[in-house]
C-alpha cells in the first residue's frame, strides 16, 4: 500500500512539474492611463449633418476626442478598449448606460496620442465634460 501511495504522489508531482514548465504566459489586461483630454467638432467630411435638409436637429453632433496615452508596460498594447464618461453642460450622460466608448488599435510604450470619434445627440448642450477616461488592452495578439 505504501508503494502505491508513493507512486501516486510521485506521478502527481511529475505531472505538476511538467505542466508548470510548459504553460504559456497568461495574457492579462494592461491598464493604460489617458490624460490631457480635449475635444473638437469633426471636420465637415466626417460629420453626419446634412446642412441643407432643414431638419438638421435630428442628426447628431460629431466630435473628436483627443488625448495622450501612457503605457508603462514597455511593450505595445493592442486592441485597447477606451472607457470613460461624457456629460453635457447639464451634467446629463451623453452615452446612456455605456462606458466603453471605442478602441485604440495599438498603444506604443511610453507616451502616445489617440483620437476617438463620438456622436452626441444635437439636443444635448455643450460644453462636454470628459471624465474617468482609461484604456485597457493586451500585450499579445488576441484572437478574434
Protein backbone atom coordinates (compact mmCIF):
# COMPACT_ATOMS: atom_id res chain seq x y z
CA UNK A 1 0.00 0.00 0.00
CA UNK A 2 2.83 2.43 0.73
CA UNK A 3 4.38 1.77 -2.67
CA UNK A 4 1.07 2.64 -4.34
CA UNK A 5 0.79 5.91 -2.36
CA UNK A 6 4.42 6.77 -3.15
CA UNK A 7 3.88 6.06 -6.87
CA UNK A 8 0.73 8.24 -6.94
CA UNK A 9 2.50 11.08 -5.15
CA UNK A 10 5.50 10.84 -7.49
CA UNK A 11 3.29 10.78 -10.62
CA UNK A 12 1.27 13.77 -9.37
CA UNK A 13 4.44 15.75 -8.63
CA UNK A 14 5.93 14.92 -12.02
CA UNK A 15 2.71 15.92 -13.81
CA UNK A 16 2.60 19.22 -11.87
CA UNK A 17 6.24 19.96 -12.74
CA UNK A 18 5.75 19.26 -16.45
CA UNK A 19 2.60 21.38 -16.74
CA UNK A 20 4.19 24.26 -14.82
CA UNK A 21 7.20 24.36 -17.14
CA UNK A 22 5.19 24.07 -20.35
CA UNK A 23 2.37 26.53 -19.56
CA UNK A 24 2.48 29.65 -21.76
CA UNK A 25 2.42 33.03 -20.00
CA UNK A 26 -1.03 34.42 -19.33
CA UNK A 27 -2.16 37.42 -21.33
CA UNK A 28 -3.64 39.82 -18.81
CA UNK A 29 -5.25 43.18 -19.38
CA UNK A 30 -2.78 46.04 -19.27
CA UNK A 31 -4.08 49.35 -17.96
CA UNK A 32 -3.32 52.48 -19.99
CA UNK A 33 -3.59 55.96 -18.49
CA UNK A 34 -5.37 58.55 -20.65
CA UNK A 35 -4.75 62.24 -19.90
CA UNK A 36 -4.74 65.75 -21.44
CA UNK A 37 -8.21 65.10 -22.83
CA UNK A 38 -9.94 67.58 -25.10
CA UNK A 39 -12.48 67.54 -27.91
CA UNK A 40 -13.35 69.49 -31.03
CA UNK A 41 -16.01 69.30 -33.71
CA UNK A 42 -15.46 66.90 -36.57
CA UNK A 43 -14.34 68.24 -39.92
CA UNK A 44 -17.17 68.65 -42.42
CA UNK A 45 -16.26 65.43 -44.28
CA UNK A 46 -16.71 63.32 -41.09
CA UNK A 47 -19.89 64.98 -39.88
CA UNK A 48 -23.24 63.24 -40.43
CA UNK A 49 -25.16 66.51 -40.67
CA UNK A 50 -26.91 67.47 -43.85
CA UNK A 51 -26.86 71.26 -43.73
CA UNK A 52 -29.42 71.89 -46.45
CA UNK A 53 -32.09 69.46 -45.30
CA UNK A 54 -33.92 71.83 -42.94
CA UNK A 55 -34.14 69.08 -40.28
CA UNK A 56 -30.53 69.20 -39.08
CA UNK A 57 -31.69 68.85 -35.46
CA UNK A 58 -32.34 65.11 -35.91
CA UNK A 59 -28.71 64.48 -36.86
CA UNK A 60 -26.17 64.01 -34.06
CA UNK A 61 -23.26 66.37 -33.50
CA UNK A 62 -19.90 64.83 -34.34
CA UNK A 63 -16.89 65.36 -32.06
CA UNK A 64 -13.32 64.09 -32.00
CA UNK A 65 -11.95 63.36 -28.50
CA UNK A 66 -8.16 63.61 -28.37
CA UNK A 67 -5.65 62.95 -25.64
CA UNK A 68 -2.43 61.29 -24.62
CA UNK A 69 -1.75 57.69 -23.61
CA UNK A 70 0.78 56.45 -21.08
CA UNK A 71 1.88 52.83 -21.48
CA UNK A 72 4.25 51.93 -18.63
CA UNK A 73 4.45 48.24 -19.52
CA UNK A 74 7.30 48.53 -22.03
CA UNK A 75 5.58 46.54 -24.79
CA UNK A 76 2.99 47.66 -27.32
CA UNK A 77 -0.59 47.13 -26.18
CA UNK A 78 -3.05 46.03 -28.86
CA UNK A 79 -6.84 46.19 -29.00
CA UNK A 80 -7.10 48.65 -26.11
CA UNK A 81 -10.69 49.48 -25.22
CA UNK A 82 -11.39 53.08 -24.18
CA UNK A 83 -13.67 53.59 -21.19
CA UNK A 84 -14.98 56.86 -19.83
CA UNK A 85 -17.96 59.03 -19.06
CA UNK A 86 -19.11 62.01 -21.10
CA UNK A 87 -21.56 64.56 -19.72
CA UNK A 88 -23.22 67.56 -21.37
CA UNK A 89 -23.48 71.08 -19.93
CA UNK A 90 -26.45 69.99 -17.75
CA UNK A 91 -24.47 67.04 -16.28
CA UNK A 92 -26.62 64.56 -18.21
CA UNK A 93 -24.86 61.50 -19.58
CA UNK A 94 -24.21 61.64 -23.31
CA UNK A 95 -23.79 57.85 -23.63
CA UNK A 96 -26.60 56.33 -21.57
CA UNK A 97 -25.66 53.06 -19.80
CA UNK A 98 -22.42 52.86 -21.73
CA UNK A 99 -18.86 53.39 -20.55
CA UNK A 100 -16.98 51.65 -23.39
CA UNK A 101 -16.56 54.38 -25.95
CA UNK A 102 -14.24 52.89 -28.54
CA UNK A 103 -10.85 51.31 -29.08
CA UNK A 104 -7.23 52.04 -29.92
CA UNK A 105 -5.62 49.54 -32.30
CA UNK A 106 -2.12 49.85 -30.84
CA UNK A 107 -0.65 51.83 -27.93
CA UNK A 108 3.15 52.12 -28.14
CA UNK A 109 5.30 52.03 -24.98
CA UNK A 110 5.73 55.41 -23.30
CA UNK A 111 3.65 58.46 -24.16
CA UNK A 112 1.48 58.46 -27.27
CA UNK A 113 -1.67 60.08 -28.63
CA UNK A 114 -5.15 58.90 -29.53
CA UNK A 115 -8.30 60.25 -31.09
CA UNK A 116 -11.84 58.95 -30.88
CA UNK A 117 -14.89 59.97 -32.91
CA UNK A 118 -18.15 60.25 -30.95
CA UNK A 119 -21.68 61.24 -31.89
CA UNK A 120 -23.70 63.31 -29.44
CA UNK A 121 -27.43 63.97 -29.82
CA UNK A 122 -27.93 67.52 -31.02
CA UNK A 123 -30.41 68.10 -28.17
CA UNK A 124 -27.61 67.87 -25.59
CA UNK A 125 -25.89 71.22 -24.92
CA UNK A 126 -22.15 71.74 -24.95
CA UNK A 127 -19.54 72.09 -23.47
CA UNK A 128 -18.94 68.41 -22.86
CA UNK A 129 -17.26 67.08 -19.73
CA UNK A 130 -14.86 64.14 -20.20
CA UNK A 131 -14.39 62.13 -17.00
CA UNK A 132 -12.84 58.87 -15.78
CA UNK A 133 -11.12 58.04 -19.07
CA UNK A 134 -8.85 54.99 -19.16
CA UNK A 135 -7.95 52.20 -21.55
CA UNK A 136 -7.17 48.51 -21.17
CA UNK A 137 -5.70 46.11 -23.69
CA UNK A 138 -3.42 43.11 -24.23
CA UNK A 139 0.33 42.92 -24.82
CA UNK A 140 -0.04 39.90 -27.09
CA UNK A 141 -2.10 39.06 -30.12
CA UNK A 142 -5.73 38.42 -29.30
CA UNK A 143 -7.68 36.03 -31.49
CA UNK A 144 -10.89 37.38 -32.91
